[in-house]
Amino acid sequence: MQSQLYVSHPLWLYILLVTSLENAVQRSHPDITPPGVVPAADGHRWISITDTENDVWMFDVTFLLSRYHCIYGQGCPGIDVEPDHTEAVGCCVHGAYFVDDDDMNETFEYIKRLTAEDWQFKAIADARTTGKKAKSHGSIRKLKTGEMTTIVHEDACIFLNRADFAGGAGCALHSAALRHGERPIDWKPDVCWQVPIRLDVHTDDNEKDTVFIKAWDRSDWGGGGDDFHWWCIEEPEAYTASEPVYLNARTELIGFVGEDIYAELVRQLDEIANQTVTPVALITKAKT
């Protein structure tokens, strides 16, 4: 039911205002940005879901209702200091940093399944291999900081097949997973399937976690983010998906939060997405 506010203005002004409000309702809910529009940096709406262990999951509704999607191979110019006009490098220029030994060892099990038909630089990695463990494999290196990463070969991750590869450009692990009918998120290092969705955990004095699910902003990379000439989260070209993030990134979100939390997230976001805005109609009294 429309709220009614009685003011004294010409009838034409009333008609104009009501028409504008009705058009606004038809366009979108205020928490939903239309395709091709980057959500504003501030004023995001959040919802919380508490799990069975009383940890709290906080979800960035504004981002999850947006039409963001990865546009690798569809116009992505990469994140290096200069644009990549081949559209084949994406965000793979620095190699993948493993979260921990489990991440590295799990990825290594899939690396061993790659063939030369899957992986353009398999022979390069094999020639560098010095042992049977992940840390000894020719595709993995240890930095001076102690971090383990995939090596960079010819200015990008060694697992990134280039545009001139017979099997096509893109991540060798990702492509091989699809060829085997398996999930790419199981084959790839964690960071490779998570970005640009960020999981940020904050633990209180009672060991209870508050977990934030949000877009991975440029600032989340620290000082290194300033070197990116382009970052997809900031660009309208990446907001062209046919479905909102919470649907088009279903597999990744379940990987983060599990089936139960995801089901509740979908229920709440479906409800928000289907809400309508009730306008306030300005009812005027004609002057006599």
C-alpha atoms as a PDB file:
ATOM      1  CA  MET A   1       0.000   0.000   0.000  1.00  0.00           C
ATOM      2  CA  GLN A   2       1.381   3.416  -0.922  1.00  0.00           C
ATOM      3  CA  SER A   3       2.012   5.953   1.827  1.00  0.00           C
ATOM      4  CA  GLN A   4       0.247   9.257   1.180  1.00  0.00           C
ATOM      5  CA  LEU A   5       1.757  12.659   1.881  1.00  0.00           C
ATOM      6  CA  TYR A   6      -0.487  15.663   1.300  1.00  0.00           C
ATOM      7  CA  VAL A   7       1.240  18.773   0.041  1.00  0.00           C
ATOM      8  CA  SER A   8       0.126  21.711  -2.015  1.00  0.00           C
ATOM      9  CA  HIS A   9       1.742  21.553  -5.481  1.00  0.00           C
ATOM     10  CA  PRO A  10       0.466  21.691  -9.040  1.00  0.00           C
ATOM     11  CA  LEU A  11      -1.106  18.473 -10.341  1.00  0.00           C
ATOM     12  CA  TRP A  12       1.509  18.125 -13.099  1.00  0.00           C
ATOM     13  CA  LEU A  13       4.248  17.847 -10.450  1.00  0.00           C
ATOM     14  CA  TYR A  14       2.373  15.047  -8.715  1.00  0.00           C
ATOM     15  CA  ILE A  15       2.035  13.131 -11.972  1.00  0.00           C
ATOM     16  CA  LEU A  16       5.738  13.576 -12.764  1.00  0.00           C
ATOM     17  CA  LEU A  17       6.882  12.387  -9.337  1.00  0.00           C
ATOM     18  CA  VAL A  18       4.640   9.334  -9.220  1.00  0.00           C
ATOM     19  CA  THR A  19       5.646   8.317 -12.750  1.00  0.00           C
ATOM     20  CA  SER A  20       9.327   8.646 -11.865  1.00  0.00           C
ATOM     21  CA  LEU A  21       8.896   6.558  -8.724  1.00  0.00           C
ATOM     22  CA  GLU A  22       6.999   3.843 -10.569  1.00  0.00           C
ATOM     23  CA  ASN A  23       9.704   3.705 -13.226  1.00  0.00           C
ATOM     24  CA  ALA A  24      12.338   3.376 -10.516  1.00  0.00           C
ATOM     25  CA  VAL A  25      10.487   0.382  -9.060  1.00  0.00           C
ATOM     26  CA  GLN A  26      10.399  -1.277 -12.454  1.00  0.00           C
ATOM     27  CA  ARG A  27      14.138  -0.741 -13.027  1.00  0.00           C
ATOM     28  CA  SER A  28      15.615  -2.540 -10.020  1.00  0.00           C
ATOM     29  CA  HIS A  29      15.827  -3.077  -6.304  1.00  0.00           C
ATOM     30  CA  PRO A  30      18.302  -0.609  -4.707  1.00  0.00           C
ATOM     31  CA  ASP A  31      20.693  -3.419  -3.742  1.00  0.00           C
ATOM     32  CA  ILE A  32      20.947  -4.643  -7.329  1.00  0.00           C
ATOM     33  CA  THR A  33      23.158  -3.006  -9.919  1.00  0.00           C
ATOM     34  CA  PRO A  34      22.132  -3.617 -13.531  1.00  0.00           C
ATOM     35  CA  PRO A  35      24.435  -5.385 -16.015  1.00  0.00           C
ATOM     36  CA  GLY A  36      27.380  -3.267 -17.102  1.00  0.00           C
ATOM     37  CA  VAL A  37      27.444  -1.255 -13.877  1.00  0.00           C
ATOM     38  CA  VAL A  38      30.111  -1.538 -11.169  1.00  0.00           C
ATOM     39  CA  PRO A  39      28.637  -1.347  -7.638  1.00  0.00           C
ATOM     40  CA  ALA A  40      29.615   1.776  -5.725  1.00  0.00           C
ATOM     41  CA  ALA A  41      32.593   1.261  -3.412  1.00  0.00           C
ATOM     42  CA  ASP A  42      30.664   2.387  -0.335  1.00  0.00           C
ATOM     43  CA  GLY A  43      27.251   1.625   1.114  1.00  0.00           C
ATOM     44  CA  HIS A  44      27.223  -2.129   0.489  1.00  0.00           C
ATOM     45  CA  ARG A  45      24.498  -4.190   2.141  1.00  0.00           C
ATOM     46  CA  TRP A  46      25.529  -7.235   4.183  1.00  0.00           C
ATOM     47  CA  ILE A  47      23.705 -10.231   5.627  1.00  0.00           C
ATOM     48  CA  SER A  48      24.889 -12.660   8.298  1.00  0.00           C
ATOM     49  CA  ILE A  49      24.354 -16.397   8.699  1.00  0.00           C
ATOM     50  CA  THR A  50      25.365 -18.255  11.867  1.00  0.00           C
ATOM     51  CA  ASP A  51      26.503 -21.858  11.490  1.00  0.00           C
ATOM     52  CA  THR A  52      26.112 -24.800  13.882  1.00  0.00           C
ATOM     53  CA  GLU A  53      29.361 -23.878  15.681  1.00  0.00           C
ATOM     54  CA  ASN A  54      28.142 -20.298  16.253  1.00  0.00           C
ATOM     55  CA  ASP A  55      30.637 -18.864  13.802  1.00  0.00           C
ATOM     56  CA  VAL A  56      29.219 -15.970  11.799  1.00  0.00           C
ATOM     57  CA  TRP A  57      29.375 -15.713   8.011  1.00  0.00           C
ATOM     58  CA  MET A  58      29.041 -12.205   6.617  1.00  0.00           C
ATOM     59  CA  PHE A  59      28.126 -11.855   2.949  1.00  0.00           C
ATOM     60  CA  ASP A  60      28.474  -8.774   0.762  1.00  0.00           C
ATOM     61  CA  VAL A  61      24.988  -8.689  -0.738  1.00  0.00           C
ATOM     62  CA  THR A  62      25.767  -5.854  -3.119  1.00  0.00           C
ATOM     63  CA  PHE A  63      28.614  -7.768  -4.763  1.00  0.00           C
ATOM     64  CA  LEU A  64      26.835 -11.131  -4.765  1.00  0.00           C
ATOM     65  CA  LEU A  65      23.780  -9.606  -6.470  1.00  0.00           C
ATOM     66  CA  SER A  66      25.940  -7.911  -9.117  1.00  0.00           C
ATOM     67  CA  ARG A  67      26.538  -9.342 -12.597  1.00  0.00           C
ATOM     68  CA  TYR A  68      30.287  -9.798 -12.129  1.00  0.00           C
ATOM     69  CA  HIS A  69      31.998 -12.757 -13.832  1.00  0.00           C
ATOM     70  CA  CYS A  70      35.508 -13.642 -14.990  1.00  0.00           C
ATOM     71  CA  ILE A  71      36.087 -12.457 -18.551  1.00  0.00           C
ATOM     72  CA  TYR A  72      39.333 -14.327 -19.222  1.00  0.00           C
ATOM     73  CA  GLY A  73      39.547 -14.759 -22.991  1.00  0.00           C
ATOM     74  CA  GLN A  74      36.602 -12.389 -23.445  1.00  0.00           C
ATOM     75  CA  GLY A  75      38.373  -9.064 -23.377  1.00  0.00           C
ATOM     76  CA  CYS A  76      40.440  -9.360 -20.184  1.00  0.00           C
ATOM     77  CA  PRO A  77      43.658  -7.338 -20.730  1.00  0.00           C
ATOM     78  CA  GLY A  78      45.443  -8.920 -17.761  1.00  0.00           C
ATOM     79  CA  ILE A  79      46.737  -7.350 -14.568  1.00  0.00           C
ATOM     80  CA  ASP A  80      50.362  -6.730 -15.514  1.00  0.00           C
ATOM     81  CA  VAL A  81      51.769  -3.213 -15.716  1.00  0.00           C
ATOM     82  CA  GLU A  82      50.949  -3.168 -19.444  1.00  0.00           C
ATOM     83  CA  PRO A  83      47.824  -4.501 -21.195  1.00  0.00           C
ATOM     84  CA  ASP A  84      47.968  -8.004 -22.655  1.00  0.00           C
ATOM     85  CA  HIS A  85      46.471  -7.736 -26.118  1.00  0.00           C
ATOM     86  CA  THR A  86      46.529 -11.518 -26.611  1.00  0.00           C
ATOM     87  CA  GLU A  87      43.924 -11.832 -23.818  1.00  0.00           C
ATOM     88  CA  ALA A  88      45.692 -15.044 -22.763  1.00  0.00           C
ATOM     89  CA  VAL A  89      47.499 -14.049 -19.551  1.00  0.00           C
ATOM     90  CA  GLY A  90      44.745 -12.749 -17.259  1.00  0.00           C
ATOM     91  CA  CYS A  91      45.764 -12.678 -13.600  1.00  0.00           C
ATOM     92  CA  CYS A  92      48.377 -15.440 -13.981  1.00  0.00           C
ATOM     93  CA  VAL A  93      51.440 -13.242 -14.423  1.00  0.00           C
ATOM     94  CA  HIS A  94      52.910 -13.826 -10.958  1.00  0.00           C
ATOM     95  CA  GLY A  95      52.343 -17.559 -10.578  1.00  0.00           C
ATOM     96  CA  ALA A  96      50.170 -19.090  -7.846  1.00  0.00           C
ATOM     97  CA  TYR A  97      51.048 -18.748  -4.169  1.00  0.00           C
ATOM     98  CA  PHE A  98      50.074 -21.872  -2.236  1.00  0.00           C
ATOM     99  CA  VAL A  99      48.110 -21.280   0.952  1.00  0.00           C
ATOM    100  CA  ASP A 100      49.923 -24.073   2.806  1.00  0.00           C
ATOM    101  CA  ASP A 101      51.539 -27.477   2.290  1.00  0.00           C
ATOM    102  CA  ASP A 102      48.150 -29.180   2.002  1.00  0.00           C
ATOM    103  CA  ASP A 103      47.199 -26.864  -0.853  1.00  0.00           C
ATOM    104  CA  MET A 104      50.513 -27.542  -2.594  1.00  0.00           C
ATOM    105  CA  ASN A 105      50.418 -31.323  -2.113  1.00  0.00           C
ATOM    106  CA  GLU A 106      46.798 -31.636  -3.230  1.00  0.00           C
ATOM    107  CA  THR A 107      47.553 -29.626  -6.375  1.00  0.00           C
ATOM    108  CA  PHE A 108      50.631 -31.759  -7.013  1.00  0.00           C
ATOM    109  CA  GLU A 109      48.471 -34.898  -7.223  1.00  0.00           C
ATOM    110  CA  TYR A 110      46.690 -33.333 -10.190  1.00  0.00           C
ATOM    111  CA  ILE A 111      49.886 -31.964 -11.728  1.00  0.00           C
ATOM    112  CA  LYS A 112      51.059 -35.579 -12.027  1.00  0.00           C
ATOM    113  CA  ARG A 113      48.009 -36.341 -14.184  1.00  0.00           C
ATOM    114  CA  LEU A 114      48.803 -33.680 -16.790  1.00  0.00           C
ATOM    115  CA  THR A 115      50.005 -34.805 -20.197  1.00  0.00           C
ATOM    116  CA  ALA A 116      51.834 -32.909 -22.935  1.00  0.00           C
ATOM    117  CA  GLU A 117      48.470 -32.521 -24.660  1.00  0.00           C
ATOM    118  CA  ASP A 118      47.160 -30.735 -21.550  1.00  0.00           C
ATOM    119  CA  TRP A 119      50.213 -28.674 -20.674  1.00  0.00           C
ATOM    120  CA  GLN A 120      52.350 -26.622 -23.033  1.00  0.00           C
ATOM    121  CA  PHE A 121      55.348 -26.426 -20.692  1.00  0.00           C
ATOM    122  CA  LYS A 122      55.330 -29.951 -19.254  1.00  0.00           C
ATOM    123  CA  ALA A 123      58.763 -30.747 -20.753  1.00  0.00           C
ATOM    124  CA  ILE A 124      60.222 -27.590 -19.182  1.00  0.00           C
ATOM    125  CA  ALA A 125      58.931 -28.570 -15.742  1.00  0.00           C
ATOM    126  CA  ASP A 126      60.008 -32.205 -16.103  1.00  0.00           C
ATOM    127  CA  ALA A 127      63.558 -31.109 -16.943  1.00  0.00           C
ATOM    128  CA  ARG A 128      63.700 -29.052 -13.746  1.00  0.00           C
ATOM    129  CA  THR A 129      62.315 -31.800 -11.492  1.00  0.00           C
ATOM    130  CA  THR A 130      64.775 -33.183  -8.929  1.00  0.00           C
ATOM    131  CA  GLY A 131      62.623 -35.547  -6.878  1.00  0.00           C
ATOM    132  CA  LYS A 132      59.247 -37.181  -6.399  1.00  0.00           C
ATOM    133  CA  LYS A 133      57.766 -34.748  -3.872  1.00  0.00           C
ATOM    134  CA  ALA A 134      55.857 -31.578  -4.649  1.00  0.00           C
ATOM    135  CA  LYS A 135      58.649 -29.313  -3.426  1.00  0.00           C
ATOM    136  CA  SER A 136      61.058 -31.009  -5.830  1.00  0.00           C
ATOM    137  CA  HIS A 137      58.856 -30.703  -8.881  1.00  0.00           C
ATOM    138  CA  GLY A 138      60.054 -28.418 -11.650  1.00  0.00           C
ATOM    139  CA  SER A 139      56.861 -26.357 -11.630  1.00  0.00           C
ATOM    140  CA  ILE A 140      57.187 -25.298  -7.975  1.00  0.00           C
ATOM    141  CA  ARG A 141      59.673 -23.028  -6.223  1.00  0.00           C
ATOM    142  CA  LYS A 142      60.387 -21.745  -2.727  1.00  0.00           C
ATOM    143  CA  LEU A 143      60.809 -18.001  -2.338  1.00  0.00           C
ATOM    144  CA  LYS A 144      63.252 -16.332   0.035  1.00  0.00           C
ATOM    145  CA  THR A 145      60.244 -15.546   2.221  1.00  0.00           C
ATOM    146  CA  GLY A 146      59.585 -19.276   2.601  1.00  0.00           C
ATOM    147  CA  GLU A 147      56.433 -19.153   0.464  1.00  0.00           C
ATOM    148  CA  MET A 148      55.866 -21.895  -2.084  1.00  0.00           C
ATOM    149  CA  THR A 149      54.629 -20.853  -5.533  1.00  0.00           C
ATOM    150  CA  THR A 150      54.348 -22.111  -9.068  1.00  0.00           C
ATOM    151  CA  ILE A 151      57.283 -20.876 -11.141  1.00  0.00           C
ATOM    152  CA  VAL A 152      56.992 -18.075 -13.664  1.00  0.00           C
ATOM    153  CA  HIS A 153      58.008 -19.104 -17.185  1.00  0.00           C
ATOM    154  CA  GLU A 154      58.028 -16.653 -20.078  1.00  0.00           C
ATOM    155  CA  ASP A 155      56.427 -13.916 -17.962  1.00  0.00           C
ATOM    156  CA  ALA A 156      53.510 -15.913 -16.545  1.00  0.00           C
ATOM    157  CA  CYS A 157      52.640 -19.015 -14.525  1.00  0.00           C
ATOM    158  CA  ILE A 158      54.164 -22.169 -16.010  1.00  0.00           C
ATOM    159  CA  PHE A 159      50.722 -23.788 -16.022  1.00  0.00           C
ATOM    160  CA  LEU A 160      49.299 -21.082 -18.259  1.00  0.00           C
ATOM    161  CA  ASN A 161      49.069 -22.359 -21.817  1.00  0.00           C
ATOM    162  CA  ARG A 162      49.604 -19.506 -24.254  1.00  0.00           C
ATOM    163  CA  ALA A 163      47.631 -18.521 -27.330  1.00  0.00           C
ATOM    164  CA  ASP A 164      49.948 -20.478 -29.661  1.00  0.00           C
ATOM    165  CA  PHE A 165      49.406 -23.816 -27.843  1.00  0.00           C
ATOM    166  CA  ALA A 166      47.616 -26.469 -29.889  1.00  0.00           C
ATOM    167  CA  GLY A 167      45.300 -27.200 -26.963  1.00  0.00           C
ATOM    168  CA  GLY A 168      44.309 -23.576 -26.634  1.00  0.00           C
ATOM    169  CA  ALA A 169      45.130 -20.816 -24.163  1.00  0.00           C
ATOM    170  CA  GLY A 170      44.312 -21.043 -20.478  1.00  0.00           C
ATOM    171  CA  CYS A 171      45.227 -22.857 -17.289  1.00  0.00           C
ATOM    172  CA  ALA A 172      46.423 -26.403 -18.001  1.00  0.00           C
ATOM    173  CA  LEU A 173      44.957 -27.636 -14.716  1.00  0.00           C
ATOM    174  CA  HIS A 174      41.590 -26.027 -15.398  1.00  0.00           C
ATOM    175  CA  SER A 175      41.359 -27.386 -18.932  1.00  0.00           C
ATOM    176  CA  ALA A 176      42.429 -30.885 -17.914  1.00  0.00           C
ATOM    177  CA  ALA A 177      39.848 -30.978 -15.117  1.00  0.00           C
ATOM    178  CA  LEU A 178      37.092 -30.169 -17.598  1.00  0.00           C
ATOM    179  CA  ARG A 179      38.398 -32.798 -20.025  1.00  0.00           C
ATOM    180  CA  HIS A 180      38.191 -35.384 -17.241  1.00  0.00           C
ATOM    181  CA  GLY A 181      34.708 -34.243 -16.258  1.00  0.00           C
ATOM    182  CA  GLU A 182      35.947 -33.008 -12.875  1.00  0.00           C
ATOM    183  CA  ARG A 183      35.798 -29.702 -11.009  1.00  0.00           C
ATOM    184  CA  PRO A 184      38.590 -27.217 -11.770  1.00  0.00           C
ATOM    185  CA  ILE A 185      38.515 -26.007  -8.155  1.00  0.00           C
ATOM    186  CA  ASP A 186      39.762 -29.446  -7.068  1.00  0.00           C
ATOM    187  CA  TRP A 187      42.729 -29.346  -9.466  1.00  0.00           C
ATOM    188  CA  LYS A 188      43.946 -25.777  -9.034  1.00  0.00           C
ATOM    189  CA  PRO A 189      45.779 -23.995  -6.191  1.00  0.00           C
ATOM    190  CA  ASP A 190      43.277 -22.410  -3.809  1.00  0.00           C
ATOM    191  CA  VAL A 191      44.037 -18.829  -4.795  1.00  0.00           C
ATOM    192  CA  CYS A 192      43.415 -19.602  -8.470  1.00  0.00           C
ATOM    193  CA  TRP A 193      39.782 -20.614  -8.009  1.00  0.00           C
ATOM    194  CA  GLN A 194      39.011 -18.228  -5.153  1.00  0.00           C
ATOM    195  CA  VAL A 195      40.021 -14.903  -6.719  1.00  0.00           C
ATOM    196  CA  PRO A 196      38.209 -12.580  -7.122  1.00  0.00           C
ATOM    197  CA  ILE A 197      36.002 -13.767  -4.249  1.00  0.00           C
ATOM    198  CA  ARG A 198      37.764 -13.206  -0.943  1.00  0.00           C
ATOM    199  CA  LEU A 199      37.326 -15.106   2.310  1.00  0.00           C
ATOM    200  CA  ASP A 200      38.519 -12.996   5.233  1.00  0.00           C
ATOM    201  CA  VAL A 201      38.479 -14.607   8.697  1.00  0.00           C
ATOM    202  CA  HIS A 202      38.514 -12.649  11.970  1.00  0.00           C
ATOM    203  CA  THR A 203      38.780 -14.605  15.253  1.00  0.00           C
ATOM    204  CA  ASP A 204      37.689 -13.043  18.565  1.00  0.00           C
ATOM    205  CA  ASP A 205      39.051 -13.616  22.086  1.00  0.00           C
ATOM    206  CA  ASN A 206      36.686 -16.561  22.535  1.00  0.00           C
ATOM    207  CA  GLU A 207      37.984 -18.307  19.401  1.00  0.00           C
ATOM    208  CA  LYS A 208      34.791 -17.589  17.481  1.00  0.00           C
ATOM    209  CA  ASP A 209      35.182 -16.690  13.849  1.00  0.00           C
ATOM    210  CA  THR A 210      33.515 -14.015  11.806  1.00  0.00           C
ATOM    211  CA  VAL A 211      34.069 -14.837   8.142  1.00  0.00           C
ATOM    212  CA  PHE A 212      33.579 -12.194   5.461  1.00  0.00           C
ATOM    213  CA  ILE A 213      32.774 -13.197   1.870  1.00  0.00           C
ATOM    214  CA  LYS A 214      33.351 -10.254  -0.446  1.00  0.00           C
ATOM    215  CA  ALA A 215      35.003  -9.108  -3.643  1.00  0.00           C
ATOM    216  CA  TRP A 216      38.803  -9.216  -3.681  1.00  0.00           C
ATOM    217  CA  ASP A 217      39.571  -5.522  -3.956  1.00  0.00           C
ATOM    218  CA  ARG A 218      42.813  -4.114  -5.323  1.00  0.00           C
ATOM    219  CA  SER A 219      43.759  -3.047  -1.779  1.00  0.00           C
ATOM    220  CA  ASP A 220      43.511  -6.656  -0.549  1.00  0.00           C
ATOM    221  CA  TRP A 221      46.729  -7.408  -2.451  1.00  0.00           C
ATOM    222  CA  GLY A 222      48.645  -4.888  -0.342  1.00  0.00           C
ATOM    223  CA  GLY A 223      51.096  -2.627  -2.113  1.00  0.00           C
ATOM    224  CA  GLY A 224      51.288  -5.002  -5.071  1.00  0.00           C
ATOM    225  CA  GLY A 225      47.741  -4.143  -6.075  1.00  0.00           C
ATOM    226  CA  ASP A 226      48.847  -0.648  -7.012  1.00  0.00           C
ATOM    227  CA  ASP A 227      50.936  -2.114  -9.832  1.00  0.00           C
ATOM    228  CA  PHE A 228      47.937  -3.591 -11.645  1.00  0.00           C
ATOM    229  CA  HIS A 229      47.112  -1.479 -14.679  1.00  0.00           C
ATOM    230  CA  TRP A 230      43.637  -3.096 -14.642  1.00  0.00           C
ATOM    231  CA  TRP A 231      41.648  -4.993 -12.020  1.00  0.00           C
ATOM    232  CA  CYS A 232      38.413  -6.665 -13.088  1.00  0.00           C
ATOM    233  CA  ILE A 233      36.393  -5.854  -9.964  1.00  0.00           C
ATOM    234  CA  GLU A 234      36.624  -2.177 -10.895  1.00  0.00           C
ATOM    235  CA  GLU A 235      35.650  -2.506 -14.559  1.00  0.00           C
ATOM    236  CA  PRO A 236      32.136  -2.496 -16.090  1.00  0.00           C
ATOM    237  CA  GLU A 237      33.212  -4.956 -18.802  1.00  0.00           C
ATOM    238  CA  ALA A 238      33.323  -7.673 -16.121  1.00  0.00           C
ATOM    239  CA  TYR A 239      29.735  -7.022 -14.963  1.00  0.00           C
ATOM    240  CA  THR A 240      27.989  -8.626 -17.921  1.00  0.00           C
ATOM    241  CA  ALA A 241      26.981 -12.081 -16.626  1.00  0.00           C
ATOM    242  CA  SER A 242      23.517 -13.434 -17.354  1.00  0.00           C
ATOM    243  CA  GLU A 243      23.112 -14.325 -13.658  1.00  0.00           C
ATOM    244  CA  PRO A 244      24.218 -12.643 -10.411  1.00  0.00           C
ATOM    245  CA  VAL A 245      27.418 -13.748  -8.681  1.00  0.00           C
ATOM    246  CA  TYR A 246      25.682 -15.898  -6.073  1.00  0.00           C
ATOM    247  CA  LEU A 247      24.369 -18.099  -8.898  1.00  0.00           C
ATOM    248  CA  ASN A 248      27.142 -17.949 -11.507  1.00  0.00           C
ATOM    249  CA  ALA A 249      29.800 -18.664  -8.828  1.00  0.00           C
ATOM    250  CA  ARG A 250      27.827 -21.451  -7.138  1.00  0.00           C
ATOM    251  CA  THR A 251      30.697 -23.969  -7.182  1.00  0.00           C
ATOM    252  CA  GLU A 252      33.200 -21.510  -5.744  1.00  0.00           C
ATOM    253  CA  LEU A 253      30.846 -20.307  -3.012  1.00  0.00           C
ATOM    254  CA  ILE A 254      30.085 -23.865  -1.943  1.00  0.00           C
ATOM    255  CA  GLY A 255      33.837 -24.436  -1.872  1.00  0.00           C
ATOM    256  CA  PHE A 256      34.088 -21.569   0.602  1.00  0.00           C
ATOM    257  CA  VAL A 257      31.051 -22.105   2.836  1.00  0.00           C
ATOM    258  CA  GLY A 258      29.664 -25.610   2.251  1.00  0.00           C
ATOM    259  CA  GLU A 259      26.291 -26.787   0.970  1.00  0.00           C
ATOM    260  CA  ASP A 260      24.178 -25.850   4.011  1.00  0.00           C
ATOM    261  CA  ILE A 261      25.352 -22.257   4.369  1.00  0.00           C
ATOM    262  CA  TYR A 262      25.139 -21.781   0.614  1.00  0.00           C
ATOM    263  CA  ALA A 263      21.532 -23.023   0.536  1.00  0.00           C
ATOM    264  CA  GLU A 264      20.583 -20.476   3.201  1.00  0.00           C
ATOM    265  CA  LEU A 265      22.505 -17.766   1.358  1.00  0.00           C
ATOM    266  CA  VAL A 266      20.558 -18.487  -1.829  1.00  0.00           C
ATOM    267  CA  ARG A 267      17.266 -18.439   0.069  1.00  0.00           C
ATOM    268  CA  GLN A 268      17.993 -15.011   1.518  1.00  0.00           C
ATOM    269  CA  LEU A 269      19.400 -13.525  -1.684  1.00  0.00           C
ATOM    270  CA  ASP A 270      16.494 -14.873  -3.738  1.00  0.00           C
ATOM    271  CA  GLU A 271      14.181 -13.125  -1.320  1.00  0.00           C
ATOM    272  CA  ILE A 272      16.074  -9.841  -1.623  1.00  0.00           C
ATOM    273  CA  ALA A 273      16.307 -10.102  -5.405  1.00  0.00           C
ATOM    274  CA  ASN A 274      12.543 -10.571  -5.656  1.00  0.00           C
ATOM    275  CA  GLN A 275      11.640  -7.678  -3.374  1.00  0.00           C
ATOM    276  CA  THR A 276       9.957  -4.622  -4.823  1.00  0.00           C
ATOM    277  CA  VAL A 277      10.264  -1.061  -3.648  1.00  0.00           C
ATOM    278  CA  THR A 278       7.069   0.641  -2.538  1.00  0.00           C
ATOM    279  CA  PRO A 279       7.132   4.268  -3.640  1.00  0.00           C
ATOM    280  CA  VAL A 280       5.821   7.170  -1.601  1.00  0.00           C
ATOM    281  CA  ALA A 281       3.137   8.899  -3.659  1.00  0.00           C
ATOM    282  CA  LEU A 282       2.836  12.653  -3.279  1.00  0.00           C
ATOM    283  CA  ILE A 283      -0.902  13.427  -3.320  1.00  0.00           C
ATOM    284  CA  THR A 284      -1.558  17.074  -3.952  1.00  0.00           C
ATOM    285  CA  LYS A 285      -4.563  19.245  -3.349  1.00  0.00           C
ATOM    286  CA  ALA A 286      -5.375  21.503  -6.252  1.00  0.00           C
ATOM    287  CA  LYS A 287      -5.297  25.181  -5.424  1.00  0.00           C
ATOM    288  CA  THR A 288      -8.631  26.929  -5.543  1.00  0.00           C
END
